[in-house]
Amino acid sequence: MMNKKLLTLLFLVAPFFLCAQEKGIAESINEGFKPVADAWGGFVFYPVQLGGGVQMPLVIIMLLLAGLIFTVLFKFVNIRMFPVSINIVRGKYDEVDHIVPTEAAEEGEGEVSHFQALTAALSGTVGLGNIAGVAVALSLGGPGATFWMIIAGLLGMSSKFVECTLGVKYRDVGEDGTIYGGPMYYLKKGLADVGKSKLGKVLAVLFAVMVIGGSFGGGNMFQANQAAQQFGSMIGSKDLSTSLIFGIVMAILVGVVIIGGIKRIGNITEKIVPFMVGIYFLAAIVILGANFSQIGNAFGQIWNGAFNPEGITGGLLGVLIIGFQRAAFSNEAGVGSAAIAHSAVKTKYPASEGLVALLEPFIDTVVVCTMTALVIIITNGDGEIMTYGVKSPDGVLATSNAFGSVIPWFPYVLTVAVVLFAFSTMLSWSYYGLQGWMFLFGRSKVSDYAYKILFCLFVIIGSAASLGAVTDFSDAMIFAMAVPNVVGLFFLFPKVREELARYLNAIRSKKE
């Protein structure tokens, strides 16, 4: 019966995808869906008045408070355990993770390495937010927004640690060794452990629905659309046919990878993510090296702007909020998406992967976002890139102009980076959505392929038509994921504390 429902769904949506490349239809869909998107977005991003006419979405406040509380509860695990995290990724404790018998050993070994899980999750967060989002944040909040991005990134490390530890602890292992994990499972199983079974089931279903919606929009259509636009701009073509061909090629490439599951995704992302981050980082280093004498002044602008902003709406509070929001949008700490990728790791100690996961906000926000910000601040000395306090309409263009002012050919490199960022993000979100899909519809082959076919079709439509309202709705769903997730984290963090103590004891025993 479930398989018939899925096949029927595919047949119903197929005509939509076949004809949606027509601008008129895309516009009609947008217009019809906009009231729904606006209503949902208004609910998820409900603004809280913080004084001076400054507002902040309630969901962002919740994410930041969660990061702060977990940082305190776990005695600054984000700083204290940083060296241990690096050593885990290096493989120093592989013998501890894979050989020492524990209760978790009965739950299966997993499918990917620590490094592959890290890159798979990073591929879902490191992307356009780091390129375009930072430029938008600087245009609104000035250099000072960078400081608060860094602070929020550091707090987010603690949230990632908690949710990814739970992801491994409560994962399911199929008969064929396939791993099924993420908030859906630790909300259902974990909350049952603490006597809140009914609440856990409700929250798990809510999360699964939202992660599916998020995977089709923000994790797919938006990425495909931005990549297609950047590609079209590079070759000087704005024709619909170019976008459509680009989308078909991208869909084929995505399809080839995601059919292989998390193992193939991990194999691809462990190569793509370091490569694209390396290229981006190297370009930033070249620019900073060429302007070495200005780096000190740039950090001075960041510090002064963080506490003494001039010409910025909302003053200090306004800059703080802009920085915090950008960091939350960039690293998704507390949203729960990364826990899905990390659940598939090969380890017997859940806390080992939690410690690996805390590196994500550091790399994504503290390193990559800061590098982007420094380049923009230094190259914007004459105000040619942007005017602080006035929102930049195109963040990607602003960043491209900043890099291009020193490296003339960098916009071409940026195009490659945008395409790779988009591609890797789609790979990760296809896996996130699939896990939610199979949680709701079952773990059959029909269910598996139905989702993957739909996902690839959304790549094509996303490239060919800008369905802004649909994407806005999906983005709101991504952040709505944080609500059931954070509620669960506050009930389950004592379990994380137990797992951390157990893992650290295992490391000490091995050393002895």
Protein backbone atom coordinates (compact mmCIF):
# COMPACT_ATOMS: atom_id res chain seq x y z
CA MET A 1 0.00 0.00 0.00
CA MET A 2 2.82 2.44 0.94
CA ASN A 3 4.66 1.66 -2.31
CA LYS A 4 1.51 2.41 -4.33
CA LYS A 5 1.13 5.74 -2.55
CA LEU A 6 4.71 6.69 -3.39
CA LEU A 7 4.35 5.72 -7.05
CA THR A 8 1.12 7.69 -7.27
CA LEU A 9 2.88 10.71 -5.79
CA LEU A 10 5.58 10.47 -8.43
CA PHE A 11 3.04 10.31 -11.26
CA LEU A 12 1.15 13.29 -9.87
CA VAL A 13 4.21 15.54 -9.65
CA ALA A 14 5.82 14.41 -12.90
CA PRO A 15 3.81 16.77 -15.15
CA PHE A 16 4.75 19.66 -12.87
CA PHE A 17 8.44 19.01 -13.45
CA LEU A 18 8.06 18.47 -17.16
CA CYS A 19 6.47 21.83 -17.75
CA ALA A 20 7.74 23.95 -14.89
CA GLN A 21 10.63 25.25 -16.92
CA GLU A 22 8.17 27.60 -18.55
CA LYS A 23 8.48 31.01 -16.90
CA GLY A 24 4.77 31.55 -16.87
CA ILE A 25 4.10 28.40 -14.89
CA ALA A 26 6.96 29.16 -12.49
CA GLU A 27 5.49 32.58 -11.86
CA SER A 28 2.02 31.13 -11.32
CA ILE A 29 3.39 28.65 -8.79
CA ASN A 30 5.23 31.45 -7.04
CA GLU A 31 2.17 33.66 -6.83
CA GLY A 32 -0.06 30.85 -5.60
CA PHE A 33 2.40 29.63 -3.00
CA LYS A 34 3.52 33.03 -1.71
CA PRO A 35 0.73 33.48 0.92
CA VAL A 36 1.59 30.06 2.37
CA ALA A 37 5.32 30.82 2.37
CA ASP A 38 4.81 34.22 3.98
CA ALA A 39 2.56 32.78 6.69
CA TRP A 40 4.94 29.95 7.49
CA GLY A 41 8.00 32.22 7.40
CA GLY A 42 6.27 34.71 9.70
CA PHE A 43 5.56 31.88 12.15
CA VAL A 44 9.05 30.33 12.12
CA PHE A 45 10.93 33.61 12.14
CA TYR A 46 8.57 35.33 14.59
CA PRO A 47 10.35 38.59 15.50
CA VAL A 48 11.08 39.54 19.10
CA GLN A 49 11.48 43.24 19.84
CA LEU A 50 14.82 43.83 21.60
CA GLY A 51 14.74 47.62 21.89
CA GLY A 52 15.76 50.50 19.67
CA GLY A 53 13.53 49.22 16.89
CA VAL A 54 15.74 46.11 16.54
CA GLN A 55 14.16 42.68 16.04
CA MET A 56 15.51 39.14 16.21
CA PRO A 57 13.73 35.93 15.18
CA LEU A 58 12.72 33.82 18.15
CA VAL A 59 14.23 30.69 16.58
CA ILE A 60 17.66 32.39 16.36
CA ILE A 61 17.43 33.41 20.03
CA MET A 62 16.62 29.79 20.89
CA LEU A 63 19.62 28.48 18.94
CA LEU A 64 22.01 30.97 20.56
CA LEU A 65 20.71 30.30 24.07
CA ALA A 66 21.07 26.55 23.45
CA GLY A 67 24.71 27.06 22.39
CA LEU A 68 25.42 29.24 25.45
CA ILE A 69 23.73 26.85 27.91
CA PHE A 70 25.47 23.76 26.52
CA THR A 71 28.82 25.57 26.55
CA VAL A 72 28.38 26.24 30.28
CA LEU A 73 26.87 22.82 31.13
CA PHE A 74 29.75 20.98 29.43
CA LYS A 75 32.41 23.28 30.90
CA PHE A 76 33.45 24.89 27.60
CA VAL A 77 33.76 21.60 25.74
CA ASN A 78 34.21 23.67 22.55
CA ILE A 79 37.55 25.00 23.82
CA ARG A 80 38.61 22.35 26.32
CA MET A 81 38.19 19.38 23.97
CA PHE A 82 39.42 21.06 20.78
CA PRO A 83 42.83 19.27 20.76
CA VAL A 84 41.10 15.92 21.36
CA SER A 85 38.77 16.61 18.42
CA ILE A 86 41.73 17.24 16.11
CA ASN A 87 43.39 14.00 17.26
CA ILE A 88 40.20 11.99 16.61
CA VAL A 89 40.03 13.24 13.00
CA ARG A 90 43.76 12.46 12.62
CA GLY A 91 43.02 8.86 13.62
CA LYS A 92 44.99 8.92 16.88
CA TYR A 93 42.18 7.21 18.79
CA ASP A 94 40.93 4.85 16.06
CA GLU A 95 42.03 1.86 18.11
CA VAL A 96 39.92 3.07 21.02
CA ASP A 97 36.89 3.76 18.81
CA HIS A 98 36.90 0.49 16.92
CA ILE A 99 38.35 -2.20 19.20
CA VAL A 100 37.45 -1.56 22.81
CA PRO A 101 34.21 -3.49 23.45
CA THR A 102 31.33 -1.44 24.73
CA GLU A 103 27.57 -1.65 24.81
CA ALA A 104 27.48 0.51 21.67
CA ALA A 105 29.43 -2.17 19.81
CA GLU A 106 26.24 -4.18 19.55
CA GLU A 107 24.65 -1.39 17.53
CA GLY A 108 26.98 -1.77 14.57
CA GLU A 109 30.19 -0.25 13.32
CA GLY A 110 28.82 2.36 10.97
CA GLU A 111 29.55 3.14 7.32
CA VAL A 112 31.99 6.08 7.11
CA SER A 113 35.14 7.33 8.84
CA HIS A 114 35.31 10.30 11.21
CA PHE A 115 36.82 12.43 8.44
CA GLN A 116 34.20 11.37 5.87
CA ALA A 117 31.35 12.14 8.29
CA LEU A 118 32.91 15.54 9.02
CA THR A 119 33.27 16.45 5.34
CA ALA A 120 29.78 15.15 4.50
CA ALA A 121 28.28 17.37 7.19
CA LEU A 122 30.53 20.31 6.28
CA SER A 123 29.44 20.05 2.66
CA GLY A 124 25.92 20.81 3.84
CA THR A 125 26.96 24.01 5.68
CA VAL A 126 30.08 25.38 3.96
CA GLY A 127 28.74 27.00 0.84
CA LEU A 128 26.92 30.02 -0.43
CA GLY A 129 26.31 31.24 3.13
CA ASN A 130 30.05 31.71 3.51
CA ILE A 131 30.40 33.49 0.17
CA ALA A 132 27.22 35.53 -0.21
CA GLY A 133 25.92 35.54 3.37
CA VAL A 134 29.00 37.17 4.87
CA ALA A 135 28.90 39.98 2.31
CA VAL A 136 25.25 40.65 3.14
CA ALA A 137 26.03 40.64 6.88
CA LEU A 138 28.87 43.14 6.41
CA SER A 139 26.76 45.42 4.24
CA LEU A 140 24.08 45.50 6.95
CA GLY A 141 26.18 45.48 10.11
CA GLY A 142 29.61 46.68 9.01
CA PRO A 143 32.91 45.00 10.02
CA GLY A 144 31.70 44.58 13.62
CA ALA A 145 29.24 41.88 12.54
CA THR A 146 32.26 39.61 11.98
CA PHE A 147 33.10 39.58 15.71
CA TRP A 148 29.62 38.44 16.68
CA MET A 149 29.67 35.82 13.91
CA ILE A 150 32.79 34.36 15.50
CA ILE A 151 31.23 34.36 19.01
CA ALA A 152 28.08 32.65 17.72
CA GLY A 153 30.23 30.11 15.83
CA LEU A 154 32.10 29.24 19.04
CA LEU A 155 28.82 28.76 20.93
CA GLY A 156 27.44 26.65 18.09
CA MET A 157 30.31 24.19 18.53
CA SER A 158 28.76 23.02 21.82
CA SER A 159 25.31 22.47 20.27
CA LYS A 160 26.86 20.41 17.45
CA PHE A 161 28.67 18.29 20.02
CA VAL A 162 25.45 17.47 21.89
CA GLU A 163 23.24 16.69 18.89
CA CYS A 164 25.83 14.60 17.02
CA THR A 165 26.67 12.53 20.10
CA LEU A 166 22.97 11.70 20.42
CA GLY A 167 22.79 10.94 16.70
CA VAL A 168 25.28 8.09 17.09
CA LYS A 169 23.95 6.88 20.46
CA TYR A 170 20.39 6.33 19.23
CA ARG A 171 20.98 5.30 15.61
CA ASP A 172 19.37 2.24 14.04
CA VAL A 173 21.29 -0.35 12.04
CA GLY A 174 19.48 -2.18 9.23
CA GLU A 175 19.88 -5.89 8.47
CA ASP A 176 22.27 -5.01 5.63
CA GLY A 177 24.38 -2.76 7.86
CA THR A 178 22.84 0.50 6.58
CA ILE A 179 22.75 3.19 9.25
CA TYR A 180 19.59 5.17 9.99
CA GLY A 181 20.08 8.09 12.34
CA GLY A 182 19.51 11.72 13.21
CA PRO A 183 17.06 13.68 15.37
CA MET A 184 14.12 11.52 14.26
CA TYR A 185 15.66 8.58 16.07
CA TYR A 186 17.08 10.22 19.18
CA LEU A 187 13.85 12.17 19.67
CA LYS A 188 11.78 8.98 19.45
CA LYS A 189 14.11 6.55 21.25
CA GLY A 190 15.90 8.98 23.55
CA LEU A 191 12.80 10.67 24.91
CA ALA A 192 11.28 7.22 25.45
CA ASP A 193 14.33 6.49 27.61
CA VAL A 194 13.47 9.43 29.86
CA GLY A 195 9.77 8.61 30.08
CA LYS A 196 8.48 10.99 27.39
CA SER A 197 7.58 8.53 24.66
CA LYS A 198 4.52 10.35 23.29
CA LEU A 199 6.34 13.68 23.08
CA GLY A 200 9.27 11.96 21.38
CA LYS A 201 7.10 10.41 18.66
CA VAL A 202 5.40 13.73 17.88
CA LEU A 203 8.66 15.67 17.74
CA ALA A 204 10.29 12.97 15.59
CA VAL A 205 7.51 13.10 12.97
CA LEU A 206 7.58 16.91 12.92
CA PHE A 207 11.34 16.89 12.36
CA ALA A 208 11.11 14.28 9.59
CA VAL A 209 8.49 16.31 7.68
CA MET A 210 10.55 19.47 7.99
CA VAL A 211 13.84 17.91 6.94
CA ILE A 212 12.18 16.53 3.78
CA GLY A 213 10.82 19.98 2.92
CA GLY A 214 14.17 21.60 3.65
CA SER A 215 16.02 19.10 1.47
CA PHE A 216 13.92 19.91 -1.60
CA GLY A 217 14.16 23.69 -1.22
CA GLY A 218 17.15 25.22 0.57
CA GLY A 219 19.18 22.04 0.21
CA ASN A 220 18.37 21.58 -3.47
CA MET A 221 16.44 24.15 -5.55
CA PHE A 222 18.15 27.21 -4.08
CA GLN A 223 21.60 25.67 -4.55
CA ALA A 224 20.86 24.61 -8.13
CA ASN A 225 19.41 28.01 -9.00
CA GLN A 226 22.38 29.97 -7.62
CA ALA A 227 24.90 27.67 -9.31
CA ALA A 228 23.05 27.90 -12.64
CA GLN A 229 22.95 31.70 -12.43
CA GLN A 230 26.65 31.95 -11.60
CA PHE A 231 27.50 29.57 -14.46
CA GLY A 232 25.31 31.51 -16.90
CA SER A 233 26.94 34.76 -15.80
CA MET A 234 30.42 33.36 -16.40
CA ILE A 235 29.66 32.22 -19.96
CA GLY A 236 27.56 35.33 -20.69
CA SER A 237 24.27 33.53 -21.18
CA LYS A 238 20.95 34.14 -19.43
CA ASP A 239 18.89 31.85 -21.68
CA LEU A 240 16.46 29.47 -20.05
CA SER A 241 17.85 26.64 -22.17
CA THR A 242 21.32 27.13 -20.66
CA SER A 243 19.91 26.87 -17.13
CA LEU A 244 17.88 23.81 -18.11
CA ILE A 245 20.89 22.01 -19.64
CA PHE A 246 22.97 22.92 -16.58
CA GLY A 247 20.23 21.51 -14.33
CA ILE A 248 19.99 18.24 -16.29
CA VAL A 249 23.76 17.72 -16.13
CA MET A 250 23.81 18.56 -12.41
CA ALA A 251 20.85 16.22 -11.75
CA ILE A 252 22.65 13.34 -13.51
CA LEU A 253 25.82 13.92 -11.48
CA VAL A 254 23.85 14.17 -8.23
CA GLY A 255 21.87 11.04 -9.12
CA VAL A 256 24.99 8.99 -9.84
CA VAL A 257 26.39 9.85 -6.41
CA ILE A 258 23.29 9.60 -4.20
CA ILE A 259 22.29 6.20 -5.58
CA GLY A 260 25.38 4.87 -3.79
CA GLY A 261 24.19 6.10 -0.40
CA ILE A 262 26.21 7.69 2.40
CA LYS A 263 29.35 5.67 1.61
CA ARG A 264 29.61 7.13 -1.88
CA ILE A 265 28.59 10.60 -0.62
CA GLY A 266 31.34 10.37 2.00
CA ASN A 267 33.89 9.27 -0.62
CA ILE A 268 33.02 12.26 -2.82
CA THR A 269 32.76 14.91 -0.10
CA GLU A 270 36.06 13.92 1.53
CA LYS A 271 37.68 14.97 -1.77
CA ILE A 272 35.49 17.92 -2.78
CA VAL A 273 35.21 19.74 0.55
CA PRO A 274 38.96 20.00 1.34
CA PHE A 275 39.61 20.94 -2.30
CA MET A 276 37.06 23.73 -2.52
CA VAL A 277 37.79 25.08 0.97
CA GLY A 278 41.50 24.91 0.15
CA ILE A 279 41.10 26.90 -3.09
CA TYR A 280 38.94 29.50 -1.39
CA PHE A 281 41.29 29.71 1.58
CA LEU A 282 44.36 29.98 -0.68
CA ALA A 283 42.82 32.85 -2.66
CA ALA A 284 42.04 34.63 0.60
CA ILE A 285 45.62 34.09 1.82
CA VAL A 286 47.00 35.54 -1.44
CA ILE A 287 44.88 38.69 -1.01
CA LEU A 288 45.69 39.04 2.67
CA GLY A 289 49.38 38.47 1.93
CA ALA A 290 49.33 41.19 -0.73
CA ASN A 291 47.72 43.51 1.82
CA PHE A 292 49.55 42.28 4.90
CA SER A 293 50.03 45.76 6.32
CA GLN A 294 46.24 46.27 6.38
CA ILE A 295 45.32 43.12 8.32
CA GLY A 296 45.86 44.79 11.69
CA ASN A 297 43.64 47.69 10.66
CA ALA A 298 40.94 45.23 9.45
CA PHE A 299 40.88 43.48 12.84
CA GLY A 300 40.75 46.94 14.44
CA GLN A 301 37.66 47.75 12.37
CA ILE A 302 36.08 44.44 13.42
CA TRP A 303 36.73 45.11 17.13
CA ASN A 304 35.67 48.74 17.08
CA GLY A 305 32.64 48.02 14.92
CA ALA A 306 31.52 45.28 17.31
CA PHE A 307 31.27 47.68 20.27
CA ASN A 308 31.19 51.15 18.73
CA PRO A 309 29.30 50.83 15.45
CA GLU A 310 28.66 54.00 13.49
CA GLY A 311 25.98 54.46 10.88
CA ILE A 312 24.47 51.03 11.58
CA THR A 313 20.75 50.68 12.31
CA GLY A 314 20.24 49.52 15.88
CA GLY A 315 23.79 50.39 16.95
CA LEU A 316 25.58 47.77 19.04
CA LEU A 317 22.50 45.56 19.37
CA GLY A 318 21.84 45.73 15.64
CA VAL A 319 25.38 44.64 14.75
CA LEU A 320 25.27 41.83 17.34
CA ILE A 321 22.00 40.49 15.96
CA ILE A 322 23.19 40.60 12.34
CA GLY A 323 26.35 38.68 13.25
CA PHE A 324 24.48 36.10 15.31
CA GLN A 325 21.86 35.55 12.60
CA ARG A 326 24.44 35.07 9.87
CA ALA A 327 26.37 32.55 11.96
CA ALA A 328 23.19 30.59 12.72
CA PHE A 329 22.23 30.52 9.03
CA SER A 330 25.76 29.49 8.07
CA ASN A 331 26.61 26.63 10.47
CA GLU A 332 23.09 25.33 11.34
CA ALA A 333 24.23 24.39 14.86
CA GLY A 334 21.20 23.20 16.82
CA VAL A 335 19.13 22.61 13.67
CA GLY A 336 19.92 18.89 13.81
CA SER A 337 20.80 18.32 10.14
CA ALA A 338 24.47 17.45 10.78
CA ALA A 339 23.51 14.75 13.29
CA ILE A 340 22.08 12.74 10.38
CA ALA A 341 25.43 12.59 8.55
CA HIS A 342 27.45 11.96 11.70
CA SER A 343 25.18 9.07 12.73
CA ALA A 344 26.74 6.88 10.03
CA VAL A 345 30.27 7.06 11.47
CA LYS A 346 32.36 3.99 12.34
CA THR A 347 32.73 4.20 16.11
CA LYS A 348 31.66 2.45 19.30
CA TYR A 349 31.71 5.64 21.35
CA PRO A 350 29.02 8.21 20.45
CA ALA A 351 30.92 11.05 22.15
CA SER A 352 33.87 10.57 19.79
CA GLU A 353 31.76 11.77 16.88
CA GLY A 354 30.24 14.56 18.93
CA LEU A 355 33.76 15.88 19.48
CA VAL A 356 34.50 15.63 15.76
CA ALA A 357 31.28 17.49 14.94
CA LEU A 358 32.18 20.49 17.09
CA LEU A 359 34.89 21.31 14.53
CA GLU A 360 32.22 22.15 11.94
CA PRO A 361 31.11 25.57 13.23
CA PHE A 362 34.77 26.40 13.82
CA ILE A 363 35.73 25.65 10.20
CA ASP A 364 32.52 27.02 8.70
CA THR A 365 32.06 30.21 10.72
CA VAL A 366 35.23 31.02 12.64
CA VAL A 367 37.64 30.26 9.77
CA VAL A 368 35.89 30.49 6.37
CA CYS A 369 33.46 33.31 7.22
CA THR A 370 36.22 35.32 8.92
CA MET A 371 38.52 34.95 5.92
CA THR A 372 35.76 36.19 3.61
CA ALA A 373 35.07 39.13 5.92
CA LEU A 374 38.76 40.13 6.10
CA VAL A 375 39.07 40.14 2.30
CA ILE A 376 35.96 42.30 1.90
CA ILE A 377 36.98 44.76 4.65
CA ILE A 378 40.50 45.18 3.24
CA THR A 379 39.40 45.60 -0.39
CA ASN A 380 36.55 47.92 0.60
CA GLY A 381 38.79 50.65 1.93
CA ASP A 382 37.48 53.14 -0.65
CA GLY A 383 33.87 51.93 -0.37
CA GLU A 384 33.76 50.56 -3.92
CA ILE A 385 32.60 47.08 -2.88
CA MET A 386 29.78 48.16 -0.55
CA THR A 387 28.51 50.90 1.73
CA TYR A 388 28.27 49.71 5.32
CA GLY A 389 24.75 50.05 6.65
CA VAL A 390 23.19 49.62 3.20
CA LYS A 391 22.19 46.06 2.31
CA SER A 392 24.07 44.59 -0.64
CA PRO A 393 21.51 43.25 -3.15
CA ASP A 394 23.84 40.49 -4.38
CA GLY A 395 26.18 38.97 -1.82
CA VAL A 396 27.92 36.67 -4.32
CA LEU A 397 28.69 39.61 -6.63
CA ALA A 398 30.07 41.68 -3.74
CA THR A 399 32.40 38.86 -2.67
CA SER A 400 33.40 38.24 -6.30
CA ASN A 401 34.25 41.93 -6.76
CA ALA A 402 36.26 41.92 -3.52
CA PHE A 403 38.40 38.98 -4.60
CA GLY A 404 38.49 40.16 -8.21
CA SER A 405 39.93 43.56 -7.22
CA VAL A 406 43.19 41.79 -6.36
CA ILE A 407 42.93 38.61 -8.44
CA PRO A 408 41.27 39.62 -11.74
CA TRP A 409 40.57 36.06 -12.81
CA PHE A 410 39.13 34.98 -9.45
CA PRO A 411 35.45 35.36 -10.51
CA TYR A 412 36.04 32.31 -12.75
CA VAL A 413 37.46 30.41 -9.79
CA LEU A 414 34.53 31.58 -7.69
CA THR A 415 32.13 30.15 -10.27
CA VAL A 416 33.80 26.76 -9.92
CA ALA A 417 33.65 27.13 -6.12
CA VAL A 418 29.94 28.05 -6.18
CA VAL A 419 29.13 25.05 -8.40
CA LEU A 420 31.15 22.71 -6.17
CA PHE A 421 29.65 24.19 -3.00
CA ALA A 422 26.17 23.78 -4.46
CA PHE A 423 26.89 20.22 -5.63
CA SER A 424 28.26 19.07 -2.27
CA THR A 425 25.41 20.77 -0.39
CA MET A 426 22.88 18.93 -2.54
CA LEU A 427 24.62 15.61 -1.85
CA SER A 428 24.42 16.09 1.91
CA TRP A 429 20.86 17.35 1.93
CA SER A 430 19.73 14.49 -0.30
CA TYR A 431 20.91 12.16 2.47
CA TYR A 432 19.25 14.25 5.18
CA GLY A 433 15.94 14.29 3.33
CA LEU A 434 16.16 10.58 2.51
CA GLN A 435 16.56 9.71 6.18
CA GLY A 436 13.44 11.72 7.05
CA TRP A 437 11.58 10.22 4.07
CA MET A 438 12.37 6.61 5.05
CA PHE A 439 11.50 7.34 8.68
CA LEU A 440 7.99 8.28 7.52
CA PHE A 441 7.45 5.95 4.53
CA GLY A 442 9.52 2.91 5.44
CA ARG A 443 12.90 1.48 4.35
CA SER A 444 11.91 -0.19 1.10
CA LYS A 445 13.71 0.08 -2.24
CA VAL A 446 10.65 1.79 -3.73
CA SER A 447 10.71 4.40 -0.97
CA ASP A 448 14.45 4.92 -1.49
CA TYR A 449 14.27 5.41 -5.25
CA ALA A 450 11.06 7.46 -5.11
CA TYR A 451 12.79 10.08 -2.98
CA LYS A 452 15.97 10.09 -5.07
CA ILE A 453 14.03 10.52 -8.32
CA LEU A 454 12.06 13.40 -6.83
CA PHE A 455 15.25 15.00 -5.55
CA CYS A 456 16.92 14.89 -8.98
CA LEU A 457 13.80 16.36 -10.60
CA PHE A 458 13.89 19.22 -8.12
CA VAL A 459 17.51 19.90 -9.20
CA ILE A 460 16.29 20.48 -12.77
CA ILE A 461 13.37 22.69 -11.82
CA GLY A 462 15.51 24.62 -9.37
CA SER A 463 18.02 25.40 -12.11
CA ALA A 464 15.42 26.39 -14.70
CA ALA A 465 13.01 28.43 -12.60
CA SER A 466 13.44 30.68 -9.62
CA LEU A 467 10.64 29.56 -7.34
CA GLY A 468 11.36 32.11 -4.63
CA ALA A 469 8.22 31.45 -2.59
CA VAL A 470 8.81 27.69 -2.55
CA THR A 471 12.44 28.18 -1.53
CA ASP A 472 11.48 30.67 1.19
CA PHE A 473 9.01 28.14 2.55
CA SER A 474 11.70 25.46 2.53
CA ASP A 475 14.25 27.70 4.26
CA ALA A 476 11.72 28.32 7.00
CA MET A 477 11.29 24.55 7.33
CA ILE A 478 15.04 24.13 7.82
CA PHE A 479 15.01 26.45 10.80
CA ALA A 480 11.74 25.03 12.06
CA MET A 481 13.72 21.79 12.47
CA ALA A 482 15.48 23.51 15.36
CA VAL A 483 12.33 23.65 17.49
CA PRO A 484 11.73 19.88 18.01
CA ASN A 485 15.49 19.29 17.97
CA VAL A 486 16.43 21.78 20.71
CA VAL A 487 13.52 20.63 22.90
CA GLY A 488 14.90 17.10 22.68
CA LEU A 489 18.47 18.22 23.38
CA PHE A 490 17.49 19.80 26.70
CA PHE A 491 15.86 16.55 27.85
CA LEU A 492 18.73 14.36 26.67
CA PHE A 493 21.94 16.27 27.46
CA PRO A 494 22.56 14.16 30.65
CA LYS A 495 22.95 11.15 28.32
CA VAL A 496 25.61 13.10 26.41
CA ARG A 497 27.46 13.85 29.65
CA GLU A 498 27.56 10.12 30.42
CA GLU A 499 28.87 9.30 26.94
CA LEU A 500 31.61 11.94 27.14
CA ALA A 501 32.83 10.60 30.49
CA ARG A 502 32.82 7.04 29.12
CA TYR A 503 34.84 7.99 26.05
CA LEU A 504 37.41 10.03 27.94
CA ASN A 505 37.85 7.13 30.40
CA ALA A 506 38.48 4.80 27.45
CA ILE A 507 41.17 7.14 26.11
CA ARG A 508 42.83 7.34 29.53
CA SER A 509 42.73 3.55 29.92
CA LYS A 510 44.38 3.10 26.53
CA LYS A 511 47.16 5.54 27.42
CA GLU A 512 47.82 3.68 30.65
